[in-house]
Amino acid sequence: METSTELRSRAPEPARTLAPGARGYWAVEALGWAIPLVIVSLVAARGLIEGAGAPGALGVLLPVAAALVGLVGVAVVPGLRWRRWRYEVRDEEIDLRSGAFTVTRTLIPMARVQHVDTKRTVVSQLFGLAAVTIHTAAGRNIIPGLNEPDAAAIRDRIAELARTPDEP
């Protein structure tokens, strides 16, 4: 009997990519945490500097480090995520590969799919994007950063493939 690792290694790599707009969408999402991070670090640095009476190394390094982390999160990570994200909807399974620094490969058997839906946030709509959420008894998996028409088509295809014929 083959193990799931052996079966997974035989499955071809998923080939479909996300919409190019996903990079910009993820960069805007990253601004949502990067800007507050820099603001908090500046406030903390000011407190450290005023408390010490002179600019200490920590008071200077804290906002610089926060700005660098924010810059990487906005400028680098979205591109890495986009380059690594792949998906494929096959008759028997959904194959997902994702990750910026650590790559995760997930195979979802169609027989396990309970329902599937699409999600569009206010920001994703500005980029013309949507996400497909695949629900199973074990949880959910998301294919983000899809063009809205593609997301609807993928949702419908998964729903069709996941249907089981009625038993008499």
N, C-alpha and C. Protein backbone atom coordinates (compact mmCIF):
# COMPACT_ATOMS: atom_id res chain seq x y z
N MET A 1 0.85 -1.18 0.00
CA MET A 1 0.00 0.00 0.00
C MET A 1 0.89 1.24 0.00
N GLU A 2 0.52 2.22 -0.83
CA GLU A 2 1.32 3.42 -0.93
C GLU A 2 0.95 4.41 0.18
N THR A 3 1.95 5.12 0.65
CA THR A 3 1.70 6.14 1.67
C THR A 3 1.26 7.42 0.98
N SER A 4 0.72 8.36 1.77
CA SER A 4 0.28 9.63 1.19
C SER A 4 1.47 10.40 0.62
N THR A 5 2.66 10.24 1.22
CA THR A 5 3.86 10.90 0.71
C THR A 5 4.21 10.37 -0.67
N GLU A 6 4.11 9.05 -0.86
CA GLU A 6 4.41 8.46 -2.16
C GLU A 6 3.39 8.91 -3.20
N LEU A 7 2.14 8.96 -2.82
CA LEU A 7 1.11 9.42 -3.75
C LEU A 7 1.33 10.89 -4.11
N ARG A 8 1.67 11.70 -3.12
CA ARG A 8 1.89 13.12 -3.33
C ARG A 8 3.09 13.35 -4.24
N SER A 9 4.14 12.54 -4.07
CA SER A 9 5.33 12.74 -4.88
C SER A 9 5.08 12.40 -6.34
N ARG A 10 4.10 11.54 -6.60
CA ARG A 10 3.76 11.18 -7.98
C ARG A 10 2.86 12.22 -8.63
N ALA A 11 2.14 12.96 -7.84
CA ALA A 11 1.23 13.97 -8.40
C ALA A 11 2.07 15.07 -9.03
N PRO A 12 1.71 15.49 -10.25
CA PRO A 12 2.45 16.58 -10.87
C PRO A 12 2.27 17.87 -10.07
N GLU A 13 3.26 18.72 -10.13
CA GLU A 13 3.16 20.02 -9.45
C GLU A 13 1.97 20.79 -10.01
N PRO A 14 1.24 21.50 -9.16
CA PRO A 14 0.14 22.32 -9.68
C PRO A 14 0.70 23.41 -10.60
N ALA A 15 -0.01 23.70 -11.67
CA ALA A 15 0.52 24.60 -12.70
C ALA A 15 -0.13 25.98 -12.73
N ARG A 16 -1.34 26.10 -12.23
CA ARG A 16 -2.06 27.37 -12.37
C ARG A 16 -1.55 28.40 -11.37
N THR A 17 -1.40 29.63 -11.84
CA THR A 17 -0.91 30.71 -11.00
C THR A 17 -2.06 31.64 -10.61
N LEU A 18 -1.80 32.46 -9.62
CA LEU A 18 -2.77 33.46 -9.19
C LEU A 18 -2.72 34.66 -10.12
N ALA A 19 -3.69 35.53 -10.01
CA ALA A 19 -3.72 36.75 -10.82
C ALA A 19 -2.54 37.64 -10.43
N PRO A 20 -1.93 38.31 -11.40
CA PRO A 20 -0.80 39.20 -11.09
C PRO A 20 -1.16 40.29 -10.07
N GLY A 21 -2.43 40.70 -10.04
CA GLY A 21 -2.87 41.72 -9.09
C GLY A 21 -2.78 41.29 -7.64
N ALA A 22 -2.59 39.99 -7.39
CA ALA A 22 -2.47 39.50 -6.02
C ALA A 22 -1.28 40.13 -5.31
N ARG A 23 -0.20 40.40 -6.06
CA ARG A 23 0.98 41.02 -5.44
C ARG A 23 0.64 42.38 -4.86
N GLY A 24 -0.04 43.21 -5.64
CA GLY A 24 -0.43 44.53 -5.17
C GLY A 24 -1.41 44.46 -4.01
N TYR A 25 -2.35 43.53 -4.11
CA TYR A 25 -3.34 43.33 -3.04
C TYR A 25 -2.64 42.96 -1.74
N TRP A 26 -1.70 42.00 -1.81
CA TRP A 26 -0.99 41.59 -0.60
C TRP A 26 -0.11 42.72 -0.05
N ALA A 27 0.44 43.55 -0.94
CA ALA A 27 1.24 44.69 -0.48
C ALA A 27 0.37 45.68 0.29
N VAL A 28 -0.83 45.95 -0.23
CA VAL A 28 -1.75 46.85 0.48
C VAL A 28 -2.17 46.24 1.81
N GLU A 29 -2.45 44.93 1.82
CA GLU A 29 -2.78 44.25 3.08
C GLU A 29 -1.64 44.38 4.08
N ALA A 30 -0.40 44.24 3.61
CA ALA A 30 0.76 44.34 4.50
C ALA A 30 0.90 45.74 5.08
N LEU A 31 0.50 46.75 4.33
CA LEU A 31 0.54 48.11 4.87
C LEU A 31 -0.34 48.22 6.11
N GLY A 32 -1.39 47.40 6.18
CA GLY A 32 -2.29 47.41 7.32
C GLY A 32 -1.62 47.06 8.63
N TRP A 33 -0.54 46.27 8.58
CA TRP A 33 0.20 45.98 9.82
C TRP A 33 1.54 46.71 9.86
N ALA A 34 2.12 47.03 8.68
CA ALA A 34 3.43 47.68 8.66
C ALA A 34 3.37 49.11 9.19
N ILE A 35 2.35 49.85 8.79
CA ILE A 35 2.25 51.24 9.25
C ILE A 35 2.05 51.31 10.76
N PRO A 36 1.10 50.56 11.35
CA PRO A 36 0.99 50.59 12.81
C PRO A 36 2.26 50.12 13.52
N LEU A 37 2.96 49.14 12.94
CA LEU A 37 4.21 48.67 13.54
C LEU A 37 5.23 49.80 13.63
N VAL A 38 5.39 50.55 12.56
CA VAL A 38 6.35 51.66 12.54
C VAL A 38 5.90 52.76 13.50
N ILE A 39 4.61 53.07 13.54
CA ILE A 39 4.10 54.11 14.45
C ILE A 39 4.35 53.72 15.90
N VAL A 40 4.03 52.49 16.25
CA VAL A 40 4.24 52.02 17.63
C VAL A 40 5.73 52.06 17.98
N SER A 41 6.58 51.65 17.04
CA SER A 41 8.02 51.66 17.33
C SER A 41 8.54 53.09 17.49
N LEU A 42 7.99 54.04 16.72
CA LEU A 42 8.40 55.44 16.88
C LEU A 42 7.98 55.98 18.23
N VAL A 43 6.75 55.65 18.66
CA VAL A 43 6.28 56.09 19.98
C VAL A 43 7.13 55.47 21.07
N ALA A 44 7.43 54.18 20.95
CA ALA A 44 8.27 53.51 21.95
C ALA A 44 9.67 54.10 21.95
N ALA A 45 10.21 54.39 20.78
CA ALA A 45 11.56 54.97 20.70
C ALA A 45 11.59 56.35 21.33
N ARG A 46 10.54 57.12 21.09
CA ARG A 46 10.48 58.45 21.70
C ARG A 46 10.48 58.34 23.22
N GLY A 47 9.71 57.39 23.74
CA GLY A 47 9.69 57.17 25.19
C GLY A 47 11.06 56.75 25.71
N LEU A 48 11.75 55.89 24.97
CA LEU A 48 13.08 55.46 25.38
C LEU A 48 14.07 56.62 25.35
N ILE A 49 13.97 57.45 24.30
CA ILE A 49 14.89 58.57 24.17
C ILE A 49 14.62 59.61 25.25
N GLU A 50 13.34 59.95 25.47
CA GLU A 50 13.02 60.94 26.49
C GLU A 50 13.33 60.42 27.88
N GLY A 51 13.12 59.13 28.10
CA GLY A 51 13.40 58.54 29.41
C GLY A 51 14.89 58.50 29.71
N ALA A 52 15.69 58.33 28.66
CA ALA A 52 17.14 58.24 28.85
C ALA A 52 17.79 59.61 28.83
N GLY A 53 17.07 60.61 28.34
CA GLY A 53 17.64 61.95 28.26
C GLY A 53 18.48 62.16 27.02
N ALA A 54 18.83 61.09 26.33
CA ALA A 54 19.62 61.18 25.10
C ALA A 54 19.25 59.99 24.22
N PRO A 55 19.42 60.11 22.93
CA PRO A 55 19.06 58.99 22.06
C PRO A 55 19.95 57.78 22.31
N GLY A 56 19.35 56.75 22.86
CA GLY A 56 20.07 55.51 23.07
C GLY A 56 20.04 54.68 21.81
N ALA A 57 20.88 53.67 21.76
CA ALA A 57 20.95 52.80 20.57
C ALA A 57 19.60 52.14 20.31
N LEU A 58 18.93 51.69 21.37
CA LEU A 58 17.64 51.02 21.20
C LEU A 58 16.59 51.99 20.66
N GLY A 59 16.65 53.23 21.12
CA GLY A 59 15.70 54.23 20.65
C GLY A 59 15.84 54.53 19.17
N VAL A 60 17.03 54.35 18.63
CA VAL A 60 17.26 54.58 17.21
C VAL A 60 17.02 53.30 16.41
N LEU A 61 17.49 52.18 16.94
CA LEU A 61 17.39 50.91 16.20
C LEU A 61 15.96 50.38 16.11
N LEU A 62 15.15 50.63 17.12
CA LEU A 62 13.79 50.09 17.13
C LEU A 62 12.97 50.56 15.92
N PRO A 63 12.87 51.86 15.64
CA PRO A 63 12.10 52.26 14.46
C PRO A 63 12.75 51.85 13.14
N VAL A 64 14.08 51.80 13.11
CA VAL A 64 14.77 51.36 11.89
C VAL A 64 14.45 49.89 11.61
N ALA A 65 14.51 49.06 12.65
CA ALA A 65 14.19 47.64 12.48
C ALA A 65 12.73 47.46 12.07
N ALA A 66 11.83 48.22 12.69
CA ALA A 66 10.41 48.12 12.35
C ALA A 66 10.18 48.54 10.90
N ALA A 67 10.85 49.59 10.47
CA ALA A 67 10.71 50.05 9.08
C ALA A 67 11.24 49.01 8.11
N LEU A 68 12.35 48.35 8.44
CA LEU A 68 12.89 47.30 7.57
C LEU A 68 11.95 46.11 7.48
N VAL A 69 11.40 45.69 8.61
CA VAL A 69 10.44 44.58 8.61
C VAL A 69 9.22 44.96 7.78
N GLY A 70 8.72 46.18 7.95
CA GLY A 70 7.58 46.64 7.17
C GLY A 70 7.89 46.70 5.68
N LEU A 71 9.09 47.17 5.34
CA LEU A 71 9.49 47.26 3.94
C LEU A 71 9.56 45.87 3.29
N VAL A 72 10.13 44.92 3.99
CA VAL A 72 10.20 43.54 3.47
C VAL A 72 8.79 42.98 3.31
N GLY A 73 7.93 43.23 4.32
CA GLY A 73 6.56 42.74 4.26
C GLY A 73 5.74 43.33 3.12
N VAL A 74 6.03 44.56 2.75
CA VAL A 74 5.28 45.24 1.69
C VAL A 74 5.92 45.02 0.32
N ALA A 75 7.25 45.06 0.24
CA ALA A 75 7.93 45.04 -1.06
C ALA A 75 8.42 43.67 -1.50
N VAL A 76 8.74 42.78 -0.57
CA VAL A 76 9.37 41.50 -0.93
C VAL A 76 8.41 40.32 -0.81
N VAL A 77 7.76 40.20 0.34
CA VAL A 77 6.93 39.02 0.62
C VAL A 77 5.80 38.83 -0.39
N PRO A 78 5.07 39.88 -0.81
CA PRO A 78 4.00 39.64 -1.79
C PRO A 78 4.51 38.98 -3.08
N GLY A 79 5.66 39.39 -3.56
CA GLY A 79 6.23 38.79 -4.77
C GLY A 79 6.63 37.34 -4.55
N LEU A 80 7.22 37.05 -3.39
CA LEU A 80 7.58 35.65 -3.08
C LEU A 80 6.34 34.78 -3.00
N ARG A 81 5.31 35.27 -2.31
CA ARG A 81 4.07 34.50 -2.19
C ARG A 81 3.48 34.23 -3.57
N TRP A 82 3.45 35.25 -4.42
CA TRP A 82 2.86 35.09 -5.74
C TRP A 82 3.65 34.09 -6.58
N ARG A 83 4.97 34.15 -6.53
CA ARG A 83 5.78 33.22 -7.32
C ARG A 83 5.62 31.78 -6.86
N ARG A 84 5.40 31.57 -5.58
CA ARG A 84 5.29 30.20 -5.06
C ARG A 84 3.88 29.63 -5.12
N TRP A 85 2.86 30.50 -5.12
CA TRP A 85 1.48 30.01 -5.09
C TRP A 85 1.12 29.35 -6.41
N ARG A 86 0.66 28.11 -6.33
CA ARG A 86 0.16 27.36 -7.48
C ARG A 86 -1.04 26.54 -7.03
N TYR A 87 -1.93 26.27 -7.96
CA TYR A 87 -3.08 25.43 -7.64
C TYR A 87 -3.50 24.67 -8.89
N GLU A 88 -4.22 23.61 -8.67
CA GLU A 88 -4.76 22.80 -9.77
C GLU A 88 -6.02 22.12 -9.27
N VAL A 89 -7.07 22.20 -10.05
CA VAL A 89 -8.32 21.49 -9.72
C VAL A 89 -8.41 20.31 -10.68
N ARG A 90 -8.28 19.12 -10.12
CA ARG A 90 -8.36 17.89 -10.91
C ARG A 90 -9.66 17.17 -10.58
N ASP A 91 -10.00 16.18 -11.37
CA ASP A 91 -11.25 15.44 -11.14
C ASP A 91 -11.33 14.83 -9.75
N GLU A 92 -10.22 14.34 -9.23
CA GLU A 92 -10.22 13.63 -7.95
C GLU A 92 -9.70 14.45 -6.77
N GLU A 93 -9.04 15.58 -7.04
CA GLU A 93 -8.42 16.33 -5.94
C GLU A 93 -8.17 17.78 -6.33
N ILE A 94 -7.93 18.57 -5.30
CA ILE A 94 -7.49 19.95 -5.45
C ILE A 94 -6.08 20.00 -4.89
N ASP A 95 -5.15 20.51 -5.68
CA ASP A 95 -3.74 20.53 -5.31
C ASP A 95 -3.32 21.99 -5.08
N LEU A 96 -2.85 22.30 -3.89
CA LEU A 96 -2.44 23.66 -3.54
C LEU A 96 -0.98 23.67 -3.12
N ARG A 97 -0.23 24.67 -3.59
CA ARG A 97 1.14 24.88 -3.13
C ARG A 97 1.28 26.36 -2.80
N SER A 98 1.72 26.66 -1.58
CA SER A 98 1.79 28.05 -1.15
C SER A 98 2.95 28.26 -0.19
N GLY A 99 3.23 29.53 0.08
CA GLY A 99 4.24 29.89 1.07
C GLY A 99 5.25 30.87 0.53
N ALA A 100 5.70 31.78 1.36
CA ALA A 100 6.73 32.73 0.96
C ALA A 100 8.11 32.19 1.31
N PHE A 101 8.28 31.73 2.54
CA PHE A 101 9.57 31.22 2.99
C PHE A 101 9.55 29.71 3.18
N THR A 102 8.43 29.17 3.61
CA THR A 102 8.24 27.73 3.76
C THR A 102 7.13 27.33 2.80
N VAL A 103 7.42 26.38 1.94
CA VAL A 103 6.43 25.96 0.94
C VAL A 103 5.61 24.80 1.48
N THR A 104 4.29 24.93 1.39
CA THR A 104 3.35 23.90 1.85
C THR A 104 2.60 23.37 0.64
N ARG A 105 2.48 22.07 0.56
CA ARG A 105 1.70 21.43 -0.51
C ARG A 105 0.54 20.70 0.13
N THR A 106 -0.67 20.98 -0.34
CA THR A 106 -1.88 20.39 0.22
C THR A 106 -2.68 19.73 -0.89
N LEU A 107 -3.06 18.48 -0.68
CA LEU A 107 -3.94 17.76 -1.60
C LEU A 107 -5.27 17.54 -0.90
N ILE A 108 -6.34 18.02 -1.50
CA ILE A 108 -7.68 17.88 -0.92
C ILE A 108 -8.49 16.94 -1.80
N PRO A 109 -8.82 15.75 -1.32
CA PRO A 109 -9.64 14.84 -2.13
C PRO A 109 -11.03 15.44 -2.35
N MET A 110 -11.53 15.34 -3.56
CA MET A 110 -12.87 15.87 -3.87
C MET A 110 -13.93 15.24 -2.98
N ALA A 111 -13.73 13.98 -2.61
CA ALA A 111 -14.71 13.29 -1.77
C ALA A 111 -14.83 13.94 -0.39
N ARG A 112 -13.82 14.72 0.03
CA ARG A 112 -13.83 15.36 1.34
C ARG A 112 -14.43 16.76 1.33
N VAL A 113 -14.64 17.32 0.16
CA VAL A 113 -15.16 18.69 0.06
C VAL A 113 -16.62 18.71 0.48
N GLN A 114 -16.93 19.57 1.46
CA GLN A 114 -18.31 19.71 1.93
C GLN A 114 -19.03 20.84 1.21
N HIS A 115 -18.38 21.97 1.12
CA HIS A 115 -18.92 23.06 0.31
C HIS A 115 -17.80 24.02 -0.05
N VAL A 116 -18.10 24.89 -0.99
CA VAL A 116 -17.10 25.81 -1.51
C VAL A 116 -17.77 27.16 -1.73
N ASP A 117 -17.04 28.24 -1.44
CA ASP A 117 -17.61 29.57 -1.66
C ASP A 117 -16.54 30.55 -2.10
N THR A 118 -16.98 31.71 -2.55
CA THR A 118 -16.05 32.77 -2.92
C THR A 118 -16.21 33.92 -1.95
N LYS A 119 -15.12 34.68 -1.80
CA LYS A 119 -15.13 35.82 -0.89
C LYS A 119 -14.46 37.00 -1.59
N ARG A 120 -15.10 38.17 -1.48
CA ARG A 120 -14.55 39.40 -2.02
C ARG A 120 -14.59 40.46 -0.93
N THR A 121 -13.45 40.95 -0.53
CA THR A 121 -13.40 42.03 0.45
C THR A 121 -13.43 43.36 -0.30
N VAL A 122 -13.58 44.44 0.44
CA VAL A 122 -13.59 45.77 -0.18
C VAL A 122 -12.27 46.00 -0.92
N VAL A 123 -11.16 45.68 -0.27
CA VAL A 123 -9.85 45.91 -0.88
C VAL A 123 -9.64 44.98 -2.07
N SER A 124 -10.02 43.71 -1.94
CA SER A 124 -9.82 42.78 -3.07
C SER A 124 -10.65 43.21 -4.28
N GLN A 125 -11.81 43.80 -4.06
CA GLN A 125 -12.64 44.27 -5.17
C GLN A 125 -11.95 45.40 -5.94
N LEU A 126 -11.17 46.23 -5.22
CA LEU A 126 -10.42 47.30 -5.89
C LEU A 126 -9.42 46.73 -6.88
N PHE A 127 -8.93 45.53 -6.60
CA PHE A 127 -7.96 44.86 -7.47
C PHE A 127 -8.64 43.87 -8.42
N GLY A 128 -9.97 43.75 -8.34
CA GLY A 128 -10.70 42.81 -9.19
C GLY A 128 -10.46 41.36 -8.80
N LEU A 129 -10.18 41.13 -7.51
CA LEU A 129 -9.81 39.79 -7.05
C LEU A 129 -10.86 39.20 -6.12
N ALA A 130 -10.82 37.89 -6.02
CA ALA A 130 -11.66 37.14 -5.08
C ALA A 130 -10.88 35.93 -4.62
N ALA A 131 -11.37 35.29 -3.57
CA ALA A 131 -10.76 34.07 -3.04
C ALA A 131 -11.80 32.96 -3.05
N VAL A 132 -11.35 31.75 -3.26
CA VAL A 132 -12.21 30.57 -3.20
C VAL A 132 -11.87 29.84 -1.91
N THR A 133 -12.88 29.57 -1.08
CA THR A 133 -12.69 28.83 0.16
C THR A 133 -13.29 27.45 0.01
N ILE A 134 -12.47 26.43 0.29
CA ILE A 134 -12.88 25.03 0.19
C ILE A 134 -13.04 24.51 1.60
N HIS A 135 -14.24 24.09 1.96
CA HIS A 135 -14.53 23.61 3.30
C HIS A 135 -14.56 22.08 3.31
N THR A 136 -13.87 21.50 4.30
CA THR A 136 -13.92 20.06 4.53
C THR A 136 -14.19 19.85 6.02
N ALA A 137 -14.38 18.60 6.42
CA ALA A 137 -14.59 18.31 7.84
C ALA A 137 -13.35 18.69 8.65
N ALA A 138 -12.19 18.66 8.03
CA ALA A 138 -10.94 18.97 8.72
C ALA A 138 -10.66 20.46 8.82
N GLY A 139 -11.43 21.28 8.13
CA GLY A 139 -11.18 22.71 8.16
C GLY A 139 -11.43 23.34 6.81
N ARG A 140 -10.67 24.38 6.52
CA ARG A 140 -10.85 25.06 5.24
C ARG A 140 -9.50 25.39 4.62
N ASN A 141 -9.51 25.50 3.32
CA ASN A 141 -8.34 25.92 2.56
C ASN A 141 -8.80 27.02 1.62
N ILE A 142 -7.90 27.97 1.37
CA ILE A 142 -8.26 29.13 0.57
C ILE A 142 -7.32 29.25 -0.62
N ILE A 143 -7.91 29.51 -1.78
CA ILE A 143 -7.13 29.90 -2.96
C ILE A 143 -7.35 31.41 -3.10
N PRO A 144 -6.37 32.22 -2.72
CA PRO A 144 -6.54 33.67 -2.75
C PRO A 144 -6.14 34.25 -4.11
N GLY A 145 -6.37 35.53 -4.28
CA GLY A 145 -5.79 36.26 -5.41
C GLY A 145 -6.19 35.80 -6.79
N LEU A 146 -7.45 35.41 -6.95
CA LEU A 146 -7.95 35.00 -8.26
C LEU A 146 -8.75 36.13 -8.89
N ASN A 147 -8.68 36.26 -10.21
CA ASN A 147 -9.57 37.20 -10.88
C ASN A 147 -11.00 36.77 -10.57
N GLU A 148 -11.90 37.73 -10.40
CA GLU A 148 -13.27 37.42 -10.00
C GLU A 148 -13.95 36.39 -10.90
N PRO A 149 -13.86 36.51 -12.24
CA PRO A 149 -14.51 35.48 -13.09
C PRO A 149 -13.87 34.10 -12.90
N ASP A 150 -12.54 34.06 -12.74
CA ASP A 150 -11.87 32.78 -12.52
C ASP A 150 -12.31 32.15 -11.21
N ALA A 151 -12.45 32.98 -10.18
CA ALA A 151 -12.87 32.46 -8.86
C ALA A 151 -14.26 31.83 -8.96
N ALA A 152 -15.16 32.48 -9.66
CA ALA A 152 -16.52 31.93 -9.81
C ALA A 152 -16.48 30.62 -10.58
N ALA A 153 -15.68 30.56 -11.64
CA ALA A 153 -15.59 29.33 -12.44
C ALA A 153 -14.96 28.20 -11.64
N ILE A 154 -13.93 28.50 -10.85
CA ILE A 154 -13.28 27.47 -10.03
C ILE A 154 -14.24 26.98 -8.95
N ARG A 155 -14.95 27.91 -8.31
CA ARG A 155 -15.93 27.52 -7.30
C ARG A 155 -16.97 26.58 -7.90
N ASP A 156 -17.49 26.94 -9.06
CA ASP A 156 -18.51 26.10 -9.70
C ASP A 156 -17.96 24.74 -10.10
N ARG A 157 -16.73 24.71 -10.59
CA ARG A 157 -16.12 23.42 -10.99
C ARG A 157 -15.91 22.52 -9.79
N ILE A 158 -15.39 23.08 -8.70
CA ILE A 158 -15.19 22.26 -7.49
C ILE A 158 -16.53 21.76 -6.98
N ALA A 159 -17.53 22.63 -6.96
CA ALA A 159 -18.86 22.21 -6.49
C ALA A 159 -19.41 21.07 -7.34
N GLU A 160 -19.21 21.17 -8.64
CA GLU A 160 -19.69 20.11 -9.54
C GLU A 160 -18.93 18.80 -9.31
N LEU A 161 -17.61 18.88 -9.18
CA LEU A 161 -16.80 17.66 -8.98
C LEU A 161 -17.02 17.03 -7.61
N ALA A 162 -17.36 17.85 -6.63
CA ALA A 162 -17.54 17.34 -5.26
C ALA A 162 -18.90 16.69 -5.05
N ARG A 163 -19.84 16.94 -5.93
CA ARG A 163 -21.18 16.33 -5.80
C ARG A 163 -21.07 14.83 -5.95
N THR A 164 -21.77 14.13 -5.10
CA THR A 164 -21.83 12.68 -5.24
C THR A 164 -23.20 12.32 -5.78
N PRO A 165 -23.27 11.33 -6.63
CA PRO A 165 -24.59 10.96 -7.16
C PRO A 165 -25.50 10.47 -6.05
N ASP A 166 -26.77 10.79 -6.18
CA ASP A 166 -27.74 10.33 -5.19
C ASP A 166 -27.85 8.81 -5.23
N GLU A 167 -27.88 8.22 -4.05
CA GLU A 167 -28.02 6.76 -3.98
C GLU A 167 -29.50 6.41 -3.96
N PRO A 168 -29.88 5.31 -4.64
CA PRO A 168 -31.30 4.93 -4.67
C PRO A 168 -31.81 4.49 -3.33
